[in-house]
């Protein structure tokens, strides 16, 4: 949907900031090899990531196995979400999202206080009230501020599980899914509308704003100092949204690139994804929904190609 320039700049800024925060968080959980003694008394190398809350990946899992597991988990999650929406089990959905949001926030916050004793507990003490405010009090500042930290936390879990080529395959598959879900099945729009109307929150950046006519009505009421004149008038509030998946997947790719190629190459992924999203906003038309992932993936792949040449 076409939005004003200010709203586009705001969404792009939040998207890019989330990408940069993602690099910081992923870097803090870079793998470390430690020598430990096994049951037979032999010294062996063990890779640890220092992720809190028991989120370190298993030692014997391969990127290929991880890719298959992620795809299966995503299919199950989408089906589960649609079933819960059909039966309108709002309490369970809120509880589910509360746990995910609290843990993701905790992982990101912990990355910034990593050297403090009991940092994981402190991060969770901070994240729990933030998750509550986000899901139950509906404040736009709290909502979007926490979104900046949620997706880096989620990405930090997946980056150690994937390599460069498996994450590229994942982005391509997600792009085809996004095309189908938005342009063919239409259930992506239904999920977004259900979250906003029934659950009173949205998994992604969410910016309500007034159109030109609505702003004129509000300004006239302010100038006349007569707020009662708006009571009997319907004022349409437009909404600019950017789904959480559109934010987290490029962070995952940038995180993998950071670990395998370096910081400059990872920053190129951030820039490529942001420019691709800006292009989508440029060509979008009012009243239409667009799948963002095909555009973001294209930008990421172009940036990756440049990164591999450096």
Protein backbone atom coordinates (compact mmCIF):
# COMPACT_ATOMS: atom_id res chain seq x y z
CA UNK A 1 0.00 0.00 0.00
CA UNK A 2 1.32 3.44 -0.91
CA UNK A 3 2.22 5.55 2.11
CA UNK A 4 3.48 9.09 2.65
CA UNK A 5 7.19 9.80 2.41
CA UNK A 6 7.52 10.34 6.17
CA UNK A 7 5.96 6.95 6.93
CA UNK A 8 8.16 5.22 4.35
CA UNK A 9 11.29 6.82 5.82
CA UNK A 10 10.18 5.79 9.32
CA UNK A 11 9.60 2.17 8.29
CA UNK A 12 12.88 2.00 6.37
CA UNK A 13 14.74 3.52 9.32
CA UNK A 14 13.31 1.01 11.77
CA UNK A 15 14.03 -1.83 9.36
CA UNK A 16 17.68 -0.75 8.90
CA UNK A 17 18.23 -0.14 12.62
CA UNK A 18 16.88 -3.63 13.38
CA UNK A 19 19.37 -5.04 10.84
CA UNK A 20 22.28 -3.25 12.53
CA UNK A 21 21.18 -4.33 16.00
CA UNK A 22 20.97 -7.85 14.61
CA UNK A 23 24.66 -7.76 13.67
CA UNK A 24 25.61 -6.61 17.18
CA UNK A 25 23.53 -9.32 18.85
CA UNK A 26 24.75 -12.09 16.53
CA UNK A 27 28.36 -10.99 17.04
CA UNK A 28 27.98 -11.20 20.82
CA UNK A 29 26.96 -14.83 20.44
CA UNK A 30 29.85 -15.77 18.16
CA UNK A 31 30.98 -19.39 18.61
CA UNK A 32 33.69 -20.15 21.14
CA UNK A 33 35.61 -23.41 21.27
CA UNK A 34 36.30 -24.75 24.74
CA UNK A 35 38.11 -27.88 25.82
CA UNK A 36 36.15 -30.12 28.17
CA UNK A 37 36.73 -33.55 29.65
CA UNK A 38 34.34 -36.30 28.55
CA UNK A 39 33.18 -39.27 30.64
CA UNK A 40 36.28 -41.27 29.67
CA UNK A 41 38.61 -38.46 30.79
CA UNK A 42 39.55 -37.38 27.28
CA UNK A 43 39.91 -33.72 26.32
CA UNK A 44 37.48 -32.78 23.55
CA UNK A 45 36.58 -29.51 21.83
CA UNK A 46 33.07 -28.16 22.41
CA UNK A 47 31.60 -25.22 20.52
CA UNK A 48 29.48 -22.90 22.67
CA UNK A 49 27.58 -19.75 21.75
CA UNK A 50 26.67 -18.53 25.25
CA UNK A 51 23.03 -18.09 24.27
CA UNK A 52 20.89 -17.77 27.40
CA UNK A 53 17.88 -19.87 28.41
CA UNK A 54 19.32 -23.09 26.98
CA UNK A 55 19.15 -21.86 23.38
CA UNK A 56 22.59 -23.12 22.30
CA UNK A 57 22.21 -25.38 19.23
CA UNK A 58 22.87 -29.13 19.45
CA UNK A 59 26.47 -30.18 18.73
CA UNK A 60 25.73 -32.82 16.10
CA UNK A 61 23.16 -31.06 13.89
CA UNK A 62 24.04 -30.17 10.27
CA UNK A 63 22.88 -27.09 8.31
CA UNK A 64 20.98 -29.34 5.88
CA UNK A 65 19.06 -31.02 8.70
CA UNK A 66 18.40 -27.60 10.21
CA UNK A 67 16.96 -26.24 6.96
CA UNK A 68 14.50 -29.14 6.71
CA UNK A 69 13.56 -28.75 10.38
CA UNK A 70 12.96 -25.00 9.99
CA UNK A 71 10.74 -25.50 6.93
CA UNK A 72 8.69 -28.18 8.70
CA UNK A 73 8.42 -26.01 11.83
CA UNK A 74 7.26 -23.02 9.80
CA UNK A 75 4.58 -25.06 8.01
CA UNK A 76 3.33 -26.40 11.35
CA UNK A 77 3.36 -22.91 12.89
CA UNK A 78 1.34 -21.39 10.02
CA UNK A 79 -1.23 -24.22 10.09
CA UNK A 80 -1.40 -24.00 13.88
CA UNK A 81 -1.94 -20.24 13.67
CA UNK A 82 -4.73 -20.59 11.10
CA UNK A 83 -6.47 -23.27 13.18
CA UNK A 84 -6.29 -21.14 16.33
CA UNK A 85 -7.60 -18.16 14.37
CA UNK A 86 -10.54 -20.21 13.09
CA UNK A 87 -11.54 -21.21 16.60
CA UNK A 88 -10.64 -17.74 17.97
CA UNK A 89 -8.44 -19.00 20.78
CA UNK A 90 -7.11 -15.53 21.60
CA UNK A 91 -5.82 -16.37 25.08
CA UNK A 92 -3.60 -19.20 23.83
CA UNK A 93 -2.26 -17.06 20.98
CA UNK A 94 -1.46 -14.22 23.36
CA UNK A 95 0.33 -16.62 25.72
CA UNK A 96 2.27 -18.12 22.82
CA UNK A 97 3.39 -14.73 21.52
CA UNK A 98 4.16 -13.53 25.06
CA UNK A 99 6.64 -16.37 25.59
CA UNK A 100 8.31 -15.85 22.20
CA UNK A 101 8.54 -12.07 22.64
CA UNK A 102 9.91 -12.31 26.19
CA UNK A 103 12.59 -14.84 25.22
CA UNK A 104 13.62 -12.94 22.07
CA UNK A 105 13.86 -9.67 23.98
CA UNK A 106 15.82 -11.42 26.72
CA UNK A 107 18.35 -12.77 24.23
CA UNK A 108 18.89 -9.35 22.64
CA UNK A 109 19.10 -7.46 25.94
CA UNK A 110 21.47 -10.08 27.34
CA UNK A 111 23.82 -9.42 24.40
CA UNK A 112 24.25 -5.82 25.58
CA UNK A 113 24.86 -6.68 29.25
CA UNK A 114 26.82 -9.84 28.54
CA UNK A 115 29.62 -9.15 31.04
CA UNK A 116 27.34 -8.46 34.01
CA UNK A 117 26.78 -11.24 36.52
CA UNK A 118 23.41 -12.97 36.09
CA UNK A 119 22.92 -11.07 32.83
CA UNK A 120 20.39 -13.62 31.56
CA UNK A 121 18.19 -13.20 34.62
CA UNK A 122 18.48 -9.41 34.50
CA UNK A 123 17.60 -9.43 30.78
CA UNK A 124 14.53 -11.56 31.48
CA UNK A 125 13.44 -9.26 34.32
CA UNK A 126 13.55 -6.39 31.81
CA UNK A 127 11.96 -8.30 28.92
CA UNK A 128 8.94 -9.70 30.79
CA UNK A 129 7.29 -6.31 31.57
CA UNK A 130 8.16 -5.08 28.08
CA UNK A 131 6.46 -8.14 26.57
CA UNK A 132 3.42 -7.53 28.78
CA UNK A 133 3.17 -3.87 27.76
CA UNK A 134 3.61 -4.79 24.12
CA UNK A 135 0.90 -7.45 24.01
CA UNK A 136 -1.64 -6.18 26.51
CA UNK A 137 -1.37 -2.37 26.65
CA UNK A 138 -1.01 -1.45 22.95
CA UNK A 139 1.41 1.47 22.99
CA UNK A 140 2.87 2.26 19.56
CA UNK A 141 6.22 3.46 20.94
CA UNK A 142 6.67 0.34 23.09
CA UNK A 143 5.50 -1.86 20.23
CA UNK A 144 7.96 -0.59 17.64
CA UNK A 145 10.84 -0.16 20.11
CA UNK A 146 10.55 -3.80 21.19
CA UNK A 147 10.30 -4.90 17.55
CA UNK A 148 13.81 -3.53 17.06
CA UNK A 149 15.08 -6.08 19.60
CA UNK A 150 12.80 -9.06 18.99
CA UNK A 151 14.08 -10.03 15.55
CA UNK A 152 17.79 -9.80 16.40
CA UNK A 153 17.08 -12.15 19.31
CA UNK A 154 15.28 -14.63 17.07
CA UNK A 155 18.01 -14.40 14.43
CA UNK A 156 20.70 -15.16 17.02
CA UNK A 157 19.07 -18.56 17.59
CA UNK A 158 19.04 -19.51 13.90
CA UNK A 159 22.38 -18.12 12.69
CA UNK A 160 24.47 -20.90 14.32
CA UNK A 161 22.23 -23.53 12.74
CA UNK A 162 22.71 -22.46 9.13
CA UNK A 163 25.49 -21.91 6.63
CA UNK A 164 25.60 -19.51 3.69
CA UNK A 165 23.88 -21.73 1.14
CA UNK A 166 21.17 -23.13 3.38
CA UNK A 167 20.09 -19.64 4.43
CA UNK A 168 20.02 -18.56 0.76
CA UNK A 169 17.77 -21.53 -0.03
CA UNK A 170 15.61 -20.62 2.96
CA UNK A 171 15.18 -17.03 1.74
CA UNK A 172 14.22 -18.21 -1.74
CA UNK A 173 11.66 -20.67 -0.37
CA UNK A 174 10.23 -18.02 1.97
CA UNK A 175 9.91 -15.64 -0.98
CA UNK A 176 7.81 -18.15 -2.95
CA UNK A 177 5.71 -18.78 0.16
CA UNK A 178 5.20 -15.03 0.59
CA UNK A 179 4.04 -14.67 -3.02
CA UNK A 180 1.55 -17.49 -2.58
CA UNK A 181 0.33 -16.31 0.84
CA UNK A 182 -0.23 -12.69 -0.25
CA UNK A 183 -1.19 -12.81 -3.93
CA UNK A 184 -2.91 -16.19 -4.22
CA UNK A 185 -4.21 -17.60 -0.93
CA UNK A 186 -4.56 -14.22 0.78
CA UNK A 187 -4.18 -15.67 4.26
CA UNK A 188 -1.23 -13.40 5.08
CA UNK A 189 -3.59 -10.42 5.00
CA UNK A 190 -6.12 -12.35 7.07
CA UNK A 191 -3.52 -13.16 9.72
CA UNK A 192 -2.43 -9.51 9.90
CA UNK A 193 -6.03 -8.28 10.18
CA UNK A 194 -6.83 -10.91 12.81
CA UNK A 195 -3.84 -9.88 14.91
CA UNK A 196 -4.71 -6.19 14.73
CA UNK A 197 -8.48 -6.51 15.29
CA UNK A 198 -8.74 -9.51 17.61
CA UNK A 199 -5.40 -9.81 19.37
CA UNK A 200 -4.79 -6.04 19.43
CA UNK A 201 -1.15 -6.36 18.37
CA UNK A 202 0.87 -7.08 15.24
CA UNK A 203 4.04 -9.10 14.68
CA UNK A 204 6.00 -6.49 12.80
CA UNK A 205 6.42 -2.75 12.56
CA UNK A 206 3.10 -0.98 12.90
CA UNK A 207 2.55 2.73 12.20
CA UNK A 208 -0.97 4.26 12.22
CA UNK A 209 -1.36 7.62 10.52
CA UNK A 210 -4.01 10.01 9.18
CA UNK A 211 -4.60 10.76 5.54
CA UNK A 212 -4.65 14.29 4.11
CA UNK A 213 -8.42 14.81 4.55
CA UNK A 214 -8.39 13.44 8.07
CA UNK A 215 -5.46 15.66 9.07
CA UNK A 216 -7.35 18.69 7.74
CA UNK A 217 -10.39 17.81 9.90
CA UNK A 218 -8.24 17.46 13.00
CA UNK A 219 -6.36 20.69 12.28
CA UNK A 220 -9.63 22.60 11.75
CA UNK A 221 -10.95 21.29 15.06
CA UNK A 222 -7.74 22.37 16.81
CA UNK A 223 -7.82 25.82 15.24
CA UNK A 224 -11.44 26.29 16.25
CA UNK A 225 -10.68 24.77 19.67
CA UNK A 226 -13.74 22.60 19.24
CA UNK A 227 -12.82 18.96 19.73
CA UNK A 228 -16.50 18.05 20.09
CA UNK A 229 -16.93 18.65 16.36
CA UNK A 230 -15.00 15.41 15.71
CA UNK A 231 -17.20 13.20 17.87
CA UNK A 232 -19.85 12.56 15.23
CA UNK A 233 -17.42 12.29 12.34
CA UNK A 234 -15.73 9.12 11.17
CA UNK A 235 -12.00 9.56 10.86
CA UNK A 236 -10.22 6.89 8.87
CA UNK A 237 -6.85 5.86 10.27
CA UNK A 238 -4.42 4.36 7.78
CA UNK A 239 -1.93 1.72 8.85
CA UNK A 240 1.56 1.09 7.52
CA UNK A 241 2.84 -2.37 8.43
CA UNK A 242 5.92 -4.45 7.76
CA UNK A 243 5.77 -8.10 8.79
CA UNK A 244 8.24 -9.60 11.23
CA UNK A 245 9.41 -12.24 8.76
CA UNK A 246 10.45 -9.48 6.36
CA UNK A 247 12.73 -8.15 9.11
CA UNK A 248 14.18 -11.31 10.62
CA UNK A 249 15.22 -13.28 7.52
CA UNK A 250 17.68 -10.69 6.15
CA UNK A 251 19.13 -10.43 9.68
CA UNK A 252 19.73 -14.19 9.63
CA UNK A 253 21.51 -13.95 6.27
CA UNK A 254 23.59 -10.97 7.43
CA UNK A 255 24.47 -12.85 10.62
CA UNK A 256 25.69 -15.89 8.68
CA UNK A 257 27.65 -13.63 6.32
CA UNK A 258 29.16 -11.86 9.35
CA UNK A 259 30.39 -15.14 10.78
CA UNK A 260 31.71 -16.51 7.47
CA UNK A 261 32.84 -13.47 5.45
CA UNK A 262 33.15 -10.45 7.74
CA UNK A 263 31.56 -7.18 8.86
CA UNK A 264 31.78 -5.22 5.59
CA UNK A 265 30.10 -8.05 3.68
CA UNK A 266 27.38 -8.31 6.34
CA UNK A 267 26.72 -4.56 6.13
CA UNK A 268 26.29 -4.95 2.38
CA UNK A 269 23.47 -7.41 3.07
CA UNK A 270 21.82 -4.87 5.38
CA UNK A 271 22.09 -2.15 2.75
CA UNK A 272 20.88 -4.41 -0.08
CA UNK A 273 17.82 -5.50 1.89
CA UNK A 274 16.95 -1.90 2.83
CA UNK A 275 17.34 -0.61 -0.73
CA UNK A 276 15.16 -3.45 -2.02
CA UNK A 277 12.47 -2.58 0.50
CA UNK A 278 12.70 1.08 -0.51
CA UNK A 279 12.20 0.04 -4.14
CA UNK A 280 9.07 -1.90 -3.14
CA UNK A 281 7.65 1.16 -1.40
CA UNK A 282 8.45 3.20 -4.51
CA UNK A 283 6.54 0.99 -6.94
CA UNK A 284 3.67 0.00 -4.64
CA UNK A 285 0.18 1.26 -5.39
CA UNK A 286 -2.48 2.42 -2.96
CA UNK A 287 -4.94 -0.24 -1.82
CA UNK A 288 -2.79 -3.22 -2.84
CA UNK A 289 -0.84 -5.68 -0.71
CA UNK A 290 2.60 -6.83 -1.74
CA UNK A 291 4.82 -9.70 -0.61
CA UNK A 292 8.00 -8.02 0.62
CA UNK A 293 10.25 -11.07 0.81
CA UNK A 294 10.77 -11.56 -2.97
CA UNK A 295 12.06 -7.97 -3.20
CA UNK A 296 14.14 -8.21 -0.02
CA UNK A 297 15.60 -11.57 -1.07
CA UNK A 298 16.55 -10.14 -4.46
CA UNK A 299 18.32 -7.23 -2.79
CA UNK A 300 20.06 -9.60 -0.38
CA UNK A 301 21.24 -11.90 -3.18
CA UNK A 302 22.60 -9.00 -5.25
CA UNK A 303 24.43 -7.73 -2.15
CA UNK A 304 25.69 -11.25 -1.43
CA UNK A 305 27.08 -11.51 -4.95
CA UNK A 306 28.98 -8.25 -4.43
CA UNK A 307 30.14 -9.42 -0.99
CA UNK A 308 31.56 -12.63 -2.42
CA UNK A 309 33.60 -10.62 -4.94
CA UNK A 310 35.24 -8.48 -2.26
